[in-house]
Structure formats: C-alpha cells, structure tokens
N, C-alpha and C. Protein backbone atom coordinates (compact mmCIF):
# COMPACT_ATOMS: atom_id res chain seq x y z
N UNK A 1 127.93 95.62 114.30
CA UNK A 1 128.10 96.07 112.91
C UNK A 1 127.20 97.28 112.66
N UNK A 2 128.05 98.26 112.18
CA UNK A 2 127.53 99.72 111.80
C UNK A 2 126.49 99.71 110.61
N UNK A 3 125.80 100.60 110.59
CA UNK A 3 125.12 100.85 109.24
C UNK A 3 125.30 102.09 108.45
N UNK A 4 125.15 102.20 107.40
CA UNK A 4 125.12 103.33 106.33
C UNK A 4 124.19 103.39 105.56
N UNK A 5 123.63 104.50 105.27
CA UNK A 5 122.45 104.59 104.37
C UNK A 5 123.26 105.09 102.82
N UNK A 6 123.16 104.51 101.85
CA UNK A 6 123.80 104.67 100.56
C UNK A 6 122.86 105.58 99.68
N UNK A 7 123.04 106.79 99.65
CA UNK A 7 122.26 107.89 98.85
C UNK A 7 122.70 107.85 97.45
N UNK A 8 121.70 107.06 96.72
CA UNK A 8 121.99 106.65 95.24
C UNK A 8 121.57 107.89 94.45
N UNK A 9 122.16 108.21 93.32
CA UNK A 9 121.68 109.12 92.31
C UNK A 9 121.31 108.64 91.08
N UNK A 10 120.53 109.37 90.22
CA UNK A 10 120.15 108.91 88.91
C UNK A 10 121.33 108.53 87.84
N UNK A 11 122.34 109.43 88.03
CA UNK A 11 123.53 109.10 87.02
C UNK A 11 124.10 107.96 87.46
N UNK A 12 124.33 107.67 88.75
CA UNK A 12 125.01 106.35 88.97
C UNK A 12 124.14 105.17 88.72
N UNK A 13 122.86 105.36 89.17
CA UNK A 13 122.00 104.24 88.95
C UNK A 13 121.82 103.69 87.28
N UNK A 14 121.79 104.70 86.52
CA UNK A 14 121.22 104.51 84.99
C UNK A 14 122.71 104.25 84.20
N UNK A 15 123.75 105.16 84.62
CA UNK A 15 125.07 104.97 83.82
C UNK A 15 126.09 104.11 84.33
N UNK A 16 126.27 104.14 85.60
CA UNK A 16 127.37 103.44 86.31
C UNK A 16 126.87 102.39 87.58
N UNK A 17 125.98 101.44 87.34
CA UNK A 17 125.49 100.89 88.55
C UNK A 17 126.59 100.12 89.24
N UNK A 18 127.64 99.72 88.42
CA UNK A 18 128.82 98.94 88.98
C UNK A 18 129.41 99.84 90.18
N UNK A 19 129.36 101.07 89.96
CA UNK A 19 129.96 102.01 91.13
C UNK A 19 129.36 101.67 92.37
N UNK A 20 127.90 101.57 92.18
CA UNK A 20 127.08 101.66 93.33
C UNK A 20 127.31 100.30 93.99
N UNK A 21 127.49 99.28 93.30
CA UNK A 21 127.60 97.76 93.53
C UNK A 21 128.89 97.67 94.27
N UNK A 22 130.02 98.30 93.77
CA UNK A 22 131.44 98.27 94.22
C UNK A 22 131.41 98.92 95.63
N UNK A 23 130.59 100.03 95.70
CA UNK A 23 130.76 100.79 97.19
C UNK A 23 129.89 99.98 98.17
N UNK A 24 128.89 99.23 97.70
CA UNK A 24 128.14 98.44 98.56
C UNK A 24 129.01 97.30 99.18
N UNK A 25 129.80 96.74 98.03
CA UNK A 25 130.64 95.46 98.65
C UNK A 25 131.81 96.15 99.43
N UNK A 26 132.29 97.32 99.16
CA UNK A 26 133.24 97.82 100.17
C UNK A 26 132.93 98.15 101.53
N UNK A 27 131.54 98.59 101.56
CA UNK A 27 131.20 99.03 102.93
C UNK A 27 130.96 97.45 103.70
N UNK A 28 130.41 96.83 103.01
CA UNK A 28 130.15 95.40 103.56
C UNK A 28 131.35 94.76 104.06
N UNK A 29 132.43 94.66 103.26
CA UNK A 29 133.59 94.18 103.63
C UNK A 29 134.14 94.86 104.88
N UNK A 30 133.98 96.10 104.95
CA UNK A 30 134.34 96.90 106.05
C UNK A 30 133.56 96.62 107.38
N UNK A 31 132.44 95.85 107.30
CA UNK A 31 131.63 95.55 108.26
C UNK A 31 130.31 96.24 108.54
N UNK A 32 130.02 97.12 107.50
CA UNK A 32 128.73 97.80 107.55
C UNK A 32 127.52 97.24 106.94
N UNK A 33 126.54 97.36 107.42
CA UNK A 33 125.12 97.11 106.61
C UNK A 33 124.79 98.13 105.89
N UNK A 34 124.66 97.83 104.65
CA UNK A 34 124.25 99.11 103.81
C UNK A 34 122.89 98.90 103.47
N UNK A 35 122.13 100.21 103.81
CA UNK A 35 120.83 100.47 103.59
C UNK A 35 120.70 101.38 102.44
N UNK A 36 119.69 101.07 101.60
CA UNK A 36 119.26 101.88 100.39
C UNK A 36 117.97 102.60 100.52
N UNK A 37 118.01 103.91 100.69
CA UNK A 37 116.58 104.58 100.65
C UNK A 37 116.05 104.38 99.42
N UNK A 38 114.81 104.50 99.52
CA UNK A 38 113.74 104.20 98.44
C UNK A 38 113.48 105.59 97.63
N UNK A 39 114.21 106.49 97.70
CA UNK A 39 113.90 107.85 97.22
C UNK A 39 113.81 107.85 95.55
N UNK A 40 113.10 108.53 94.86
CA UNK A 40 112.92 108.56 93.34
C UNK A 40 114.08 108.97 92.61
N UNK A 41 114.44 110.48 92.90
CA UNK A 41 115.32 111.23 92.23
C UNK A 41 115.65 112.28 93.14
N UNK A 42 117.07 112.66 93.05
CA UNK A 42 117.43 113.57 94.03
C UNK A 42 117.24 115.12 93.56
N UNK A 43 116.57 115.23 92.49
CA UNK A 43 116.26 116.65 91.77
C UNK A 43 117.69 117.35 91.22
N UNK A 44 118.72 116.93 91.20
CA UNK A 44 119.70 117.56 90.67
C UNK A 44 119.76 118.01 89.17
N UNK A 45 119.17 117.07 88.36
CA UNK A 45 118.72 117.60 86.90
C UNK A 45 117.88 118.76 86.76
N UNK A 46 116.72 118.82 87.80
CA UNK A 46 115.86 120.00 87.87
C UNK A 46 116.60 121.24 88.36
N UNK A 47 117.57 121.17 89.24
CA UNK A 47 117.96 122.29 89.69
C UNK A 47 119.10 122.96 88.72
N UNK A 48 119.66 122.12 88.13
CA UNK A 48 120.67 122.60 86.97
C UNK A 48 119.89 123.20 85.86
N UNK A 49 118.62 122.81 85.54
CA UNK A 49 117.97 123.34 84.52
C UNK A 49 117.05 124.60 85.04
N UNK A 50 117.04 124.86 86.37
CA UNK A 50 116.21 125.83 86.72
C UNK A 50 114.74 125.86 86.97
N UNK A 51 114.39 124.31 87.09
CA UNK A 51 113.01 123.94 87.34
C UNK A 51 112.80 123.69 88.69
N UNK A 52 112.59 124.86 89.30
CA UNK A 52 112.60 124.93 90.97
C UNK A 52 111.42 124.12 91.59
N UNK A 53 110.27 124.23 91.04
CA UNK A 53 109.03 123.61 91.70
C UNK A 53 109.34 122.00 91.64
N UNK A 54 109.91 121.50 90.36
CA UNK A 54 110.09 120.20 90.37
C UNK A 54 111.31 119.69 91.27
N UNK A 55 112.32 120.61 91.32
CA UNK A 55 113.37 120.19 92.38
C UNK A 55 112.98 120.23 93.75
N UNK A 56 112.17 121.15 93.93
CA UNK A 56 111.59 121.07 95.59
C UNK A 56 110.84 119.82 95.74
N UNK A 57 109.85 119.37 94.74
CA UNK A 57 109.26 118.05 94.97
C UNK A 57 110.16 117.15 95.01
N UNK A 58 111.13 116.96 94.30
CA UNK A 58 112.18 115.84 94.41
C UNK A 58 112.92 115.91 95.67
N UNK A 59 113.29 117.00 96.16
CA UNK A 59 114.18 117.39 97.38
C UNK A 59 113.38 116.90 98.54
N UNK A 60 111.92 117.19 98.35
CA UNK A 60 110.92 116.88 99.70
C UNK A 60 110.92 115.26 99.62
N UNK A 61 110.76 114.74 98.45
CA UNK A 61 110.65 113.12 98.53
C UNK A 61 112.00 112.52 99.07
N UNK A 62 113.13 113.13 98.69
CA UNK A 62 114.46 112.59 99.05
C UNK A 62 114.51 112.90 100.63
N UNK A 63 114.17 114.02 101.08
CA UNK A 63 114.25 114.29 102.58
C UNK A 63 113.27 113.18 103.43
N UNK A 64 112.15 112.93 102.60
CA UNK A 64 111.28 112.19 103.28
C UNK A 64 111.83 110.66 103.57
N UNK A 65 112.68 110.30 102.66
CA UNK A 65 113.20 108.93 102.73
C UNK A 65 114.31 108.80 103.51
N UNK A 66 115.14 109.98 103.64
CA UNK A 66 116.37 110.12 104.40
C UNK A 66 116.21 110.45 105.91
N UNK A 67 115.15 111.07 106.02
CA UNK A 67 115.18 111.48 107.51
C UNK A 67 115.15 110.51 108.54
N UNK A 68 114.43 109.24 108.16
CA UNK A 68 114.60 108.29 109.04
C UNK A 68 115.98 107.67 109.57
N UNK A 69 116.87 107.81 108.56
CA UNK A 69 118.22 107.33 108.86
C UNK A 69 119.04 108.57 109.61
N UNK A 70 118.72 109.68 109.07
CA UNK A 70 119.43 110.83 109.90
C UNK A 70 118.94 110.90 111.43
N UNK A 71 117.56 110.61 111.90
CA UNK A 71 116.95 110.64 113.03
C UNK A 71 117.64 109.58 113.77
N UNK A 72 118.15 108.26 113.22
CA UNK A 72 118.58 107.26 114.00
C UNK A 72 120.11 107.46 114.02
N UNK A 73 120.79 108.59 113.42
CA UNK A 73 122.16 108.78 113.39
C UNK A 73 123.09 107.83 112.48
N UNK A 74 122.25 107.30 111.58
CA UNK A 74 122.88 106.34 110.52
C UNK A 74 123.43 107.33 109.48
N UNK A 75 124.81 107.17 109.48
CA UNK A 75 125.55 108.11 108.33
C UNK A 75 124.93 107.85 106.98
N UNK A 76 124.65 109.05 106.23
CA UNK A 76 124.16 109.13 104.97
C UNK A 76 125.56 109.29 104.15
N UNK A 77 125.79 108.34 103.15
CA UNK A 77 126.91 108.45 102.04
C UNK A 77 126.46 108.48 100.65
N UNK A 78 126.99 109.24 99.86
CA UNK A 78 126.55 109.22 98.49
C UNK A 78 127.93 109.07 97.66
N UNK A 79 127.61 108.92 96.39
CA UNK A 79 128.75 108.71 95.27
C UNK A 79 129.08 109.74 94.32
N UNK A 80 127.89 110.57 94.15
CA UNK A 80 127.95 111.53 93.14
C UNK A 80 128.12 113.03 93.70
N UNK A 81 129.00 113.67 93.44
CA UNK A 81 129.52 114.87 94.13
C UNK A 81 128.38 116.02 94.06
N UNK A 82 127.76 116.21 93.01
CA UNK A 82 126.75 117.34 92.55
C UNK A 82 125.46 116.91 93.49
N UNK A 83 125.18 115.54 93.56
CA UNK A 83 124.07 115.06 94.24
C UNK A 83 124.40 115.41 95.78
N UNK A 84 125.47 115.12 96.10
CA UNK A 84 125.77 115.48 97.61
C UNK A 84 125.76 116.86 97.98
N UNK A 85 126.04 117.78 97.02
CA UNK A 85 126.08 119.14 97.13
C UNK A 85 124.61 119.57 97.26
N UNK A 86 123.84 118.95 96.48
CA UNK A 86 122.40 119.32 96.46
C UNK A 86 121.79 118.97 97.87
N UNK A 87 122.03 117.91 98.42
CA UNK A 87 121.63 117.39 99.43
C UNK A 87 121.94 118.55 100.74
N UNK A 88 123.20 118.68 100.74
CA UNK A 88 123.97 119.46 101.78
C UNK A 88 123.92 121.00 101.74
N UNK A 89 123.59 121.64 100.71
CA UNK A 89 123.46 122.86 100.31
C UNK A 89 121.96 123.28 99.80
N UNK A 90 121.74 122.87 98.62
CA UNK A 90 120.89 123.57 97.97
C UNK A 90 119.45 123.03 98.52
N UNK A 91 119.12 121.93 99.26
CA UNK A 91 117.92 121.45 99.83
C UNK A 91 117.60 122.55 100.91
N UNK A 92 118.64 123.06 101.75
CA UNK A 92 118.46 124.11 102.63
C UNK A 92 117.67 125.16 102.09
N UNK A 93 117.89 125.72 100.90
CA UNK A 93 117.15 126.66 100.19
C UNK A 93 115.88 126.32 99.60
N UNK A 94 115.82 125.01 99.09
CA UNK A 94 114.59 124.66 98.55
C UNK A 94 113.47 124.38 99.54
N UNK A 95 113.74 123.98 100.56
CA UNK A 95 113.04 123.42 101.76
C UNK A 95 113.22 124.24 103.05
N UNK A 96 113.11 125.49 103.02
CA UNK A 96 113.87 126.20 104.27
C UNK A 96 113.05 126.06 105.63
N UNK A 97 111.83 125.62 105.58
CA UNK A 97 110.88 125.59 106.74
C UNK A 97 110.97 124.08 107.24
N UNK A 98 111.46 123.09 106.44
CA UNK A 98 111.50 121.65 106.91
C UNK A 98 112.70 121.36 107.82
N UNK A 99 112.43 121.16 109.09
CA UNK A 99 113.46 121.12 110.16
C UNK A 99 114.36 119.71 109.90
N UNK A 100 113.72 118.96 109.12
CA UNK A 100 114.44 117.80 108.81
C UNK A 100 115.65 118.06 107.67
N UNK A 101 115.52 118.83 107.08
CA UNK A 101 116.53 119.21 106.12
C UNK A 101 118.08 119.25 106.67
N UNK A 102 118.13 120.18 107.51
CA UNK A 102 119.48 120.25 108.06
C UNK A 102 119.95 119.06 108.87
N UNK A 103 119.08 118.37 109.46
CA UNK A 103 119.48 117.07 110.00
C UNK A 103 120.02 116.01 109.03
N UNK A 104 119.26 115.95 108.00
CA UNK A 104 119.74 115.11 106.84
C UNK A 104 120.87 115.60 106.12
N UNK A 105 121.20 116.94 106.01
CA UNK A 105 122.33 117.40 105.37
C UNK A 105 123.83 117.35 106.11
N UNK A 106 123.55 117.14 107.48
CA UNK A 106 124.83 116.94 108.23
C UNK A 106 125.28 115.53 108.39
C-alpha cells in the first residue's frame, strides 16, 4: 500500500471539510494510506495581505511538518490551488536558506 500526505488548508478545513473527507476516501479506495500533517496554517492569507513575517512563520511551521514526508519520498498532495502555489513557489522566497523547502516543494 502506498502513502500520501494530504496537505490541508484553512479554507477547506473550515468551509468545505467534506472535500477533504471525499479526497481521503478517494485515496483510500485507490489503496493509499492517507497521512495528515499536523501543521497549523499554510500562511496563504498572510501572503495575500502582505504580512510577510507572519507568512514566513507559517511557512516554517508547514515545512517543519511536511519535511518528514518529503524525506521519505511520500507524495504531498493538496486540495486548494493557491495553497499549493504557496508551497511550491512562494515558500522558496520566504525561506531561501532552508534546504528542506525545495524538497517539500517538489
């Protein structure tokens, strides 16, 4: 059985949790074990408001929680496009000296 880490986001968590539940059920039906990282917030709302220090702190927390999956080559999948953009692109600028960011972003 393969594994996936479901990168959840605040919008889905608080507005449409049924989307995350359906995604989990889909992955499980396909034979994957779904792992849910325990990060607090992806920082996307802070980025969109220009609150760079808060965005950087949220990005650091997210990378701290996702790095273990990336290091084990467990795919990190997400549901919300702008949160995925933050993870794959904006975190590289927010945390340029953290070598784990590139690994998490790919």
